[in-house]
C-alpha atoms as a PDB file:
ATOM      1  CA  UNK A   1     -54.547 -37.585 -27.034  1.00  0.00           C
ATOM      2  CA  UNK A   2     -53.769 -40.203 -29.683  1.00  0.00           C
ATOM      3  CA  UNK A   3     -51.479 -37.758 -31.427  1.00  0.00           C
ATOM      4  CA  UNK A   4     -49.653 -37.133 -28.220  1.00  0.00           C
ATOM      5  CA  UNK A   5     -49.128 -40.831 -27.537  1.00  0.00           C
ATOM      6  CA  UNK A   6     -47.779 -41.465 -31.009  1.00  0.00           C
ATOM      7  CA  UNK A   7     -45.475 -38.421 -30.985  1.00  0.00           C
ATOM      8  CA  UNK A   8     -41.909 -38.646 -29.739  1.00  0.00           C
ATOM      9  CA  UNK A   9     -42.622 -36.814 -26.491  1.00  0.00           C
ATOM     10  CA  UNK A  10     -45.676 -39.042 -25.943  1.00  0.00           C
ATOM     11  CA  UNK A  11     -43.602 -42.186 -26.236  1.00  0.00           C
ATOM     12  CA  UNK A  12     -40.966 -40.821 -23.893  1.00  0.00           C
ATOM     13  CA  UNK A  13     -43.696 -39.824 -21.427  1.00  0.00           C
ATOM     14  CA  UNK A  14     -45.052 -43.363 -21.462  1.00  0.00           C
ATOM     15  CA  UNK A  15     -41.543 -44.711 -20.976  1.00  0.00           C
ATOM     16  CA  UNK A  16     -41.100 -42.462 -17.992  1.00  0.00           C
ATOM     17  CA  UNK A  17     -44.391 -43.419 -16.274  1.00  0.00           C
ATOM     18  CA  UNK A  18     -43.858 -47.073 -16.824  1.00  0.00           C
ATOM     19  CA  UNK A  19     -40.219 -46.728 -15.721  1.00  0.00           C
ATOM     20  CA  UNK A  20     -41.138 -45.061 -12.459  1.00  0.00           C
ATOM     21  CA  UNK A  21     -43.819 -47.706 -11.804  1.00  0.00           C
ATOM     22  CA  UNK A  22     -41.307 -50.487 -12.431  1.00  0.00           C
ATOM     23  CA  UNK A  23     -38.653 -48.819 -10.223  1.00  0.00           C
ATOM     24  CA  UNK A  24     -41.167 -48.755  -7.378  1.00  0.00           C
ATOM     25  CA  UNK A  25     -41.833 -52.481  -7.934  1.00  0.00           C
ATOM     26  CA  UNK A  26     -38.104 -53.224  -7.909  1.00  0.00           C
ATOM     27  CA  UNK A  27     -37.753 -51.747  -4.440  1.00  0.00           C
ATOM     28  CA  UNK A  28     -40.719 -53.761  -3.111  1.00  0.00           C
ATOM     29  CA  UNK A  29     -39.328 -56.950  -4.773  1.00  0.00           C
ATOM     30  CA  UNK A  30     -35.850 -56.269  -3.284  1.00  0.00           C
ATOM     31  CA  UNK A  31     -37.293 -55.715   0.195  1.00  0.00           C
ATOM     32  CA  UNK A  32     -39.150 -59.091   0.072  1.00  0.00           C
ATOM     33  CA  UNK A  33     -36.094 -60.896  -1.387  1.00  0.00           C
ATOM     34  CA  UNK A  34     -33.850 -59.671   1.361  1.00  0.00           C
ATOM     35  CA  UNK A  35     -35.945 -61.583   3.872  1.00  0.00           C
ATOM     36  CA  UNK A  36     -34.079 -64.666   2.457  1.00  0.00           C
ATOM     37  CA  UNK A  37     -30.940 -63.709   4.335  1.00  0.00           C
ATOM     38  CA  UNK A  38     -32.482 -62.553   7.616  1.00  0.00           C
ATOM     39  CA  UNK A  39     -34.308 -65.798   8.562  1.00  0.00           C
ATOM     40  CA  UNK A  40     -32.736 -69.193   7.885  1.00  0.00           C
ATOM     41  CA  UNK A  41     -35.966 -70.985   8.649  1.00  0.00           C
ATOM     42  CA  UNK A  42     -37.560 -69.395   5.563  1.00  0.00           C
ATOM     43  CA  UNK A  43     -40.714 -68.585   7.441  1.00  0.00           C
ATOM     44  CA  UNK A  44     -40.356 -64.832   7.121  1.00  0.00           C
ATOM     45  CA  UNK A  45     -39.713 -64.976   3.420  1.00  0.00           C
ATOM     46  CA  UNK A  46     -42.538 -67.435   2.799  1.00  0.00           C
ATOM     47  CA  UNK A  47     -44.943 -65.071   4.630  1.00  0.00           C
ATOM     48  CA  UNK A  48     -43.797 -62.194   2.536  1.00  0.00           C
ATOM     49  CA  UNK A  49     -44.054 -64.129  -0.688  1.00  0.00           C
ATOM     50  CA  UNK A  50     -47.454 -65.478   0.312  1.00  0.00           C
ATOM     51  CA  UNK A  51     -48.722 -61.974   1.041  1.00  0.00           C
ATOM     52  CA  UNK A  52     -47.537 -60.786  -2.329  1.00  0.00           C
ATOM     53  CA  UNK A  53     -49.285 -63.637  -4.038  1.00  0.00           C
ATOM     54  CA  UNK A  54     -52.609 -63.377  -2.183  1.00  0.00           C
ATOM     55  CA  UNK A  55     -53.116 -59.746  -1.362  1.00  0.00           C
ATOM     56  CA  UNK A  56     -56.083 -58.312  -3.370  1.00  0.00           C
ATOM     57  CA  UNK A  57     -54.307 -55.112  -4.157  1.00  0.00           C
ATOM     58  CA  UNK A  58     -51.287 -56.980  -5.407  1.00  0.00           C
ATOM     59  CA  UNK A  59     -53.519 -59.094  -7.612  1.00  0.00           C
ATOM     60  CA  UNK A  60     -54.878 -55.994  -9.259  1.00  0.00           C
ATOM     61  CA  UNK A  61     -51.362 -54.480  -9.612  1.00  0.00           C
ATOM     62  CA  UNK A  62     -49.800 -57.714 -11.010  1.00  0.00           C
ATOM     63  CA  UNK A  63     -51.343 -57.621 -14.484  1.00  0.00           C
ATOM     64  CA  UNK A  64     -50.645 -53.803 -14.584  1.00  0.00           C
ATOM     65  CA  UNK A  65     -46.999 -54.607 -13.747  1.00  0.00           C
ATOM     66  CA  UNK A  66     -46.798 -57.099 -16.607  1.00  0.00           C
ATOM     67  CA  UNK A  67     -48.429 -54.581 -18.930  1.00  0.00           C
ATOM     68  CA  UNK A  68     -46.018 -51.956 -17.707  1.00  0.00           C
ATOM     69  CA  UNK A  69     -43.015 -54.205 -18.523  1.00  0.00           C
ATOM     70  CA  UNK A  70     -44.287 -54.957 -22.024  1.00  0.00           C
ATOM     71  CA  UNK A  71     -44.992 -51.323 -22.845  1.00  0.00           C
ATOM     72  CA  UNK A  72     -41.680 -50.182 -21.456  1.00  0.00           C
ATOM     73  CA  UNK A  73     -39.833 -52.755 -23.462  1.00  0.00           C
ATOM     74  CA  UNK A  74     -41.786 -52.217 -26.649  1.00  0.00           C
ATOM     75  CA  UNK A  75     -41.511 -48.507 -26.572  1.00  0.00           C
ATOM     76  CA  UNK A  76     -37.785 -48.611 -25.794  1.00  0.00           C
ATOM     77  CA  UNK A  77     -37.259 -50.537 -29.086  1.00  0.00           C
ATOM     78  CA  UNK A  78     -39.569 -48.204 -31.012  1.00  0.00           C
ATOM     79  CA  UNK A  79     -37.878 -45.043 -29.654  1.00  0.00           C
ATOM     80  CA  UNK A  80     -34.354 -46.546 -30.352  1.00  0.00           C
ATOM     81  CA  UNK A  81     -35.305 -47.503 -33.829  1.00  0.00           C
ATOM     82  CA  UNK A  82     -36.774 -44.031 -34.533  1.00  0.00           C
ATOM     83  CA  UNK A  83     -33.623 -42.349 -33.231  1.00  0.00           C
ATOM     84  CA  UNK A  84     -31.493 -44.691 -35.395  1.00  0.00           C
ATOM     85  CA  UNK A  85     -33.660 -43.784 -38.510  1.00  0.00           C
ATOM     86  CA  UNK A  86     -33.312 -40.079 -37.696  1.00  0.00           C
ATOM     87  CA  UNK A  87     -29.502 -40.384 -37.600  1.00  0.00           C
ATOM     88  CA  UNK A  88     -28.544 -42.815 -40.368  1.00  0.00           C
ATOM     89  CA  UNK A  89     -25.034 -41.519 -40.439  1.00  0.00           C
ATOM     90  CA  UNK A  90     -23.005 -41.891 -37.258  1.00  0.00           C
ATOM     91  CA  UNK A  91     -20.766 -38.829 -36.995  1.00  0.00           C
ATOM     92  CA  UNK A  92     -17.385 -39.371 -35.417  1.00  0.00           C
ATOM     93  CA  UNK A  93     -16.922 -37.970 -31.928  1.00  0.00           C
ATOM     94  CA  UNK A  94     -13.541 -37.372 -30.326  1.00  0.00           C
ATOM     95  CA  UNK A  95     -14.766 -38.246 -26.800  1.00  0.00           C
ATOM     96  CA  UNK A  96     -18.500 -39.145 -26.521  1.00  0.00           C
ATOM     97  CA  UNK A  97     -18.028 -39.693 -22.749  1.00  0.00           C
ATOM     98  CA  UNK A  98     -17.708 -35.988 -22.199  1.00  0.00           C
ATOM     99  CA  UNK A  99     -21.351 -35.372 -23.164  1.00  0.00           C
ATOM    100  CA  UNK A 100     -23.020 -38.663 -22.052  1.00  0.00           C
ATOM    101  CA  UNK A 101     -22.447 -41.609 -19.828  1.00  0.00           C
ATOM    102  CA  UNK A 102     -21.668 -45.128 -21.001  1.00  0.00           C
ATOM    103  CA  UNK A 103     -25.021 -46.329 -19.640  1.00  0.00           C
ATOM    104  CA  UNK A 104     -26.995 -43.633 -21.471  1.00  0.00           C
ATOM    105  CA  UNK A 105     -25.312 -44.549 -24.744  1.00  0.00           C
ATOM    106  CA  UNK A 106     -26.092 -48.333 -24.224  1.00  0.00           C
ATOM    107  CA  UNK A 107     -29.549 -48.220 -22.642  1.00  0.00           C
ATOM    108  CA  UNK A 108     -31.069 -50.562 -25.275  1.00  0.00           C
ATOM    109  CA  UNK A 109     -28.280 -53.105 -24.934  1.00  0.00           C
ATOM    110  CA  UNK A 110     -28.480 -52.989 -21.140  1.00  0.00           C
ATOM    111  CA  UNK A 111     -32.317 -53.273 -21.358  1.00  0.00           C
ATOM    112  CA  UNK A 112     -32.118 -56.267 -23.664  1.00  0.00           C
ATOM    113  CA  UNK A 113     -29.626 -58.025 -21.373  1.00  0.00           C
ATOM    114  CA  UNK A 114     -31.849 -57.277 -18.308  1.00  0.00           C
ATOM    115  CA  UNK A 115     -34.775 -58.757 -20.365  1.00  0.00           C
ATOM    116  CA  UNK A 116     -32.912 -61.960 -20.875  1.00  0.00           C
ATOM    117  CA  UNK A 117     -32.247 -62.165 -17.152  1.00  0.00           C
ATOM    118  CA  UNK A 118     -35.869 -61.345 -16.369  1.00  0.00           C
ATOM    119  CA  UNK A 119     -37.149 -64.171 -18.629  1.00  0.00           C
ATOM    120  CA  UNK A 120     -34.678 -66.626 -16.873  1.00  0.00           C
ATOM    121  CA  UNK A 121     -35.856 -65.384 -13.489  1.00  0.00           C
ATOM    122  CA  UNK A 122     -39.577 -65.873 -14.414  1.00  0.00           C
ATOM    123  CA  UNK A 123     -38.941 -69.385 -15.676  1.00  0.00           C
ATOM    124  CA  UNK A 124     -37.030 -70.428 -12.549  1.00  0.00           C
ATOM    125  CA  UNK A 125     -39.237 -68.807  -9.944  1.00  0.00           C
ATOM    126  CA  UNK A 126     -42.451 -66.972 -10.828  1.00  0.00           C
ATOM    127  CA  UNK A 127     -43.799 -69.569 -13.269  1.00  0.00           C
ATOM    128  CA  UNK A 128     -43.179 -72.490 -10.824  1.00  0.00           C
ATOM    129  CA  UNK A 129     -44.594 -70.581  -7.842  1.00  0.00           C
ATOM    130  CA  UNK A 130     -47.655 -69.391  -9.790  1.00  0.00           C
ATOM    131  CA  UNK A 131     -48.525 -72.484 -11.849  1.00  0.00           C
ATOM    132  CA  UNK A 132     -46.541 -75.484 -10.615  1.00  0.00           C
ATOM    133  CA  UNK A 133     -45.907 -75.203  -6.836  1.00  0.00           C
ATOM    134  CA  UNK A 134     -43.249 -77.643  -5.752  1.00  0.00           C
ATOM    135  CA  UNK A 135     -43.967 -77.927  -2.099  1.00  0.00           C
ATOM    136  CA  UNK A 136     -46.346 -76.480   0.545  1.00  0.00           C
ATOM    137  CA  UNK A 137     -46.035 -75.800   4.188  1.00  0.00           C
ATOM    138  CA  UNK A 138     -48.349 -74.562   7.034  1.00  0.00           C
ATOM    139  CA  UNK A 139     -47.403 -71.416   8.882  1.00  0.00           C
ATOM    140  CA  UNK A 140     -49.742 -70.334  11.708  1.00  0.00           C
ATOM    141  CA  UNK A 141     -52.427 -72.505  10.208  1.00  0.00           C
ATOM    142  CA  UNK A 142     -52.102 -71.018   6.723  1.00  0.00           C
ATOM    143  CA  UNK A 143     -51.036 -73.298   3.821  1.00  0.00           C
ATOM    144  CA  UNK A 144     -48.586 -71.581   1.546  1.00  0.00           C
ATOM    145  CA  UNK A 145     -45.921 -72.368  -1.101  1.00  0.00           C
ATOM    146  CA  UNK A 146     -42.494 -73.053   0.397  1.00  0.00           C
ATOM    147  CA  UNK A 147     -40.899 -70.434  -1.754  1.00  0.00           C
ATOM    148  CA  UNK A 148     -37.852 -70.285   0.453  1.00  0.00           C
ATOM    149  CA  UNK A 149     -37.060 -73.964  -0.405  1.00  0.00           C
ATOM    150  CA  UNK A 150     -37.335 -73.286  -4.086  1.00  0.00           C
ATOM    151  CA  UNK A 151     -35.084 -70.182  -4.092  1.00  0.00           C
ATOM    152  CA  UNK A 152     -32.533 -71.343  -1.587  1.00  0.00           C
ATOM    153  CA  UNK A 153     -32.013 -74.763  -3.262  1.00  0.00           C
ATOM    154  CA  UNK A 154     -31.468 -73.151  -6.622  1.00  0.00           C
ATOM    155  CA  UNK A 155     -28.886 -70.705  -5.295  1.00  0.00           C
ATOM    156  CA  UNK A 156     -27.111 -73.419  -3.204  1.00  0.00           C
ATOM    157  CA  UNK A 157     -27.041 -76.055  -5.901  1.00  0.00           C
ATOM    158  CA  UNK A 158     -26.303 -73.853  -8.979  1.00  0.00           C
ATOM    159  CA  UNK A 159     -23.294 -71.575  -8.752  1.00  0.00           C
ATOM    160  CA  UNK A 160     -23.724 -70.709 -12.531  1.00  0.00           C
ATOM    161  CA  UNK A 161     -27.223 -69.383 -11.787  1.00  0.00           C
ATOM    162  CA  UNK A 162     -25.824 -67.363  -8.804  1.00  0.00           C
ATOM    163  CA  UNK A 163     -23.244 -65.788 -11.194  1.00  0.00           C
ATOM    164  CA  UNK A 164     -25.970 -65.024 -13.810  1.00  0.00           C
ATOM    165  CA  UNK A 165     -28.108 -63.501 -11.071  1.00  0.00           C
ATOM    166  CA  UNK A 166     -25.300 -61.227  -9.871  1.00  0.00           C
ATOM    167  CA  UNK A 167     -24.506 -60.159 -13.409  1.00  0.00           C
ATOM    168  CA  UNK A 168     -28.207 -59.489 -14.003  1.00  0.00           C
ATOM    169  CA  UNK A 169     -28.250 -57.279 -10.799  1.00  0.00           C
ATOM    170  CA  UNK A 170     -25.273 -55.311 -11.940  1.00  0.00           C
ATOM    171  CA  UNK A 171     -26.750 -54.816 -15.437  1.00  0.00           C
ATOM    172  CA  UNK A 172     -30.024 -53.617 -13.874  1.00  0.00           C
ATOM    173  CA  UNK A 173     -28.075 -51.181 -11.643  1.00  0.00           C
ATOM    174  CA  UNK A 174     -26.292 -49.811 -14.728  1.00  0.00           C
ATOM    175  CA  UNK A 175     -29.576 -49.454 -16.559  1.00  0.00           C
ATOM    176  CA  UNK A 176     -31.133 -47.554 -13.651  1.00  0.00           C
ATOM    177  CA  UNK A 177     -28.204 -45.060 -13.345  1.00  0.00           C
ATOM    178  CA  UNK A 178     -29.554 -43.382 -16.468  1.00  0.00           C
ATOM    179  CA  UNK A 179     -33.161 -44.526 -16.501  1.00  0.00           C
ATOM    180  CA  UNK A 180     -33.913 -43.111 -12.980  1.00  0.00           C
ATOM    181  CA  UNK A 181     -33.087 -39.423 -13.567  1.00  0.00           C
ATOM    182  CA  UNK A 182     -34.090 -39.620 -17.269  1.00  0.00           C
ATOM    183  CA  UNK A 183     -37.664 -40.640 -16.320  1.00  0.00           C
ATOM    184  CA  UNK A 184     -38.030 -37.560 -14.070  1.00  0.00           C
ATOM    185  CA  UNK A 185     -36.369 -35.271 -16.626  1.00  0.00           C
ATOM    186  CA  UNK A 186     -38.969 -36.260 -19.193  1.00  0.00           C
ATOM    187  CA  UNK A 187     -41.698 -35.316 -16.725  1.00  0.00           C
ATOM    188  CA  UNK A 188     -40.301 -31.802 -16.385  1.00  0.00           C
ATOM    189  CA  UNK A 189     -37.766 -31.947 -13.480  1.00  0.00           C
ATOM    190  CA  UNK A 190     -34.985 -30.831 -15.709  1.00  0.00           C
ATOM    191  CA  UNK A 191     -33.673 -27.632 -14.176  1.00  0.00           C
ATOM    192  CA  UNK A 192     -30.033 -27.522 -13.156  1.00  0.00           C
ATOM    193  CA  UNK A 193     -30.476 -27.958  -9.392  1.00  0.00           C
ATOM    194  CA  UNK A 194     -32.982 -30.809  -9.750  1.00  0.00           C
ATOM    195  CA  UNK A 195     -30.880 -32.674 -12.315  1.00  0.00           C
ATOM    196  CA  UNK A 196     -27.828 -32.744 -10.073  1.00  0.00           C
ATOM    197  CA  UNK A 197     -29.992 -34.110  -7.190  1.00  0.00           C
ATOM    198  CA  UNK A 198     -31.625 -36.639  -9.402  1.00  0.00           C
ATOM    199  CA  UNK A 199     -28.343 -37.878 -10.823  1.00  0.00           C
ATOM    200  CA  UNK A 200     -26.966 -38.438  -7.288  1.00  0.00           C
ATOM    201  CA  UNK A 201     -30.244 -40.160  -6.132  1.00  0.00           C
ATOM    202  CA  UNK A 202     -30.103 -42.283  -9.317  1.00  0.00           C
ATOM    203  CA  UNK A 203     -26.543 -43.484  -8.492  1.00  0.00           C
ATOM    204  CA  UNK A 204     -27.493 -44.247  -4.860  1.00  0.00           C
ATOM    205  CA  UNK A 205     -30.643 -46.069  -5.965  1.00  0.00           C
ATOM    206  CA  UNK A 206     -28.753 -48.048  -8.610  1.00  0.00           C
ATOM    207  CA  UNK A 207     -26.081 -49.106  -6.087  1.00  0.00           C
ATOM    208  CA  UNK A 208     -28.725 -50.193  -3.563  1.00  0.00           C
ATOM    209  CA  UNK A 209     -30.500 -52.275  -6.212  1.00  0.00           C
ATOM    210  CA  UNK A 210     -27.351 -53.875  -7.601  1.00  0.00           C
ATOM    211  CA  UNK A 211     -25.741 -54.661  -4.260  1.00  0.00           C
ATOM    212  CA  UNK A 212     -29.021 -55.659  -2.664  1.00  0.00           C
ATOM    213  CA  UNK A 213     -29.884 -58.278  -5.236  1.00  0.00           C
ATOM    214  CA  UNK A 214     -26.220 -59.433  -5.533  1.00  0.00           C
ATOM    215  CA  UNK A 215     -25.943 -60.044  -1.769  1.00  0.00           C
ATOM    216  CA  UNK A 216     -28.629 -62.683  -1.863  1.00  0.00           C
ATOM    217  CA  UNK A 217     -26.867 -65.318  -4.104  1.00  0.00           C
ATOM    218  CA  UNK A 218     -23.538 -64.457  -2.490  1.00  0.00           C
ATOM    219  CA  UNK A 219     -25.075 -65.271   0.868  1.00  0.00           C
ATOM    220  CA  UNK A 220     -26.082 -68.753  -0.260  1.00  0.00           C
ATOM    221  CA  UNK A 221     -22.823 -69.288  -2.091  1.00  0.00           C
ATOM    222  CA  UNK A 222     -20.519 -68.314   0.803  1.00  0.00           C
ATOM    223  CA  UNK A 223     -22.550 -68.811   4.006  1.00  0.00           C
ATOM    224  CA  UNK A 224     -25.001 -71.688   3.409  1.00  0.00           C
END
């Protein structure tokens, strides 16, 4: 087992499993975040955020999520470095776009930029909500963090952060256009018919994620 995990295929397998896990989390996170634009009172979003913060299952999954992020990021650098060592001489190609997409050729760069955005996101939201709650409110007799106030005020008051958030969403979408189908390909779904389907699903999924997250700051910039 240890040899499998240290081998190239083992590292790619771990990347795929953690990637699929993270993609599932992204959909859940997006669903909760979209509540921001469907209820101006903030009650709906606060309930969703409170559920995610207090649900026992989520509490178990949360450290696994953090571990998944760290493994995915670490392994991506390890694999990229090994690939670079294996090909010390970059042979000239007349048109690399014919054999691979721009996203697939720049996954490490996209991942690094997404990581920068993720760290910024954690500092501005997760850390405050988790360790330094700014304000509380009571909904149906339950005291909870007024997460809507924290998020909405930052989007309304900081256009630069809105722009950074939108750029981060677009970068994440680009990263997913390759990462989605690549994860399933590594797990064995690599025949011709499945690959075509997965590539289309990847594009749809990436657009949903990029547009979905971008709509939120745009809403607060243009409507609020």
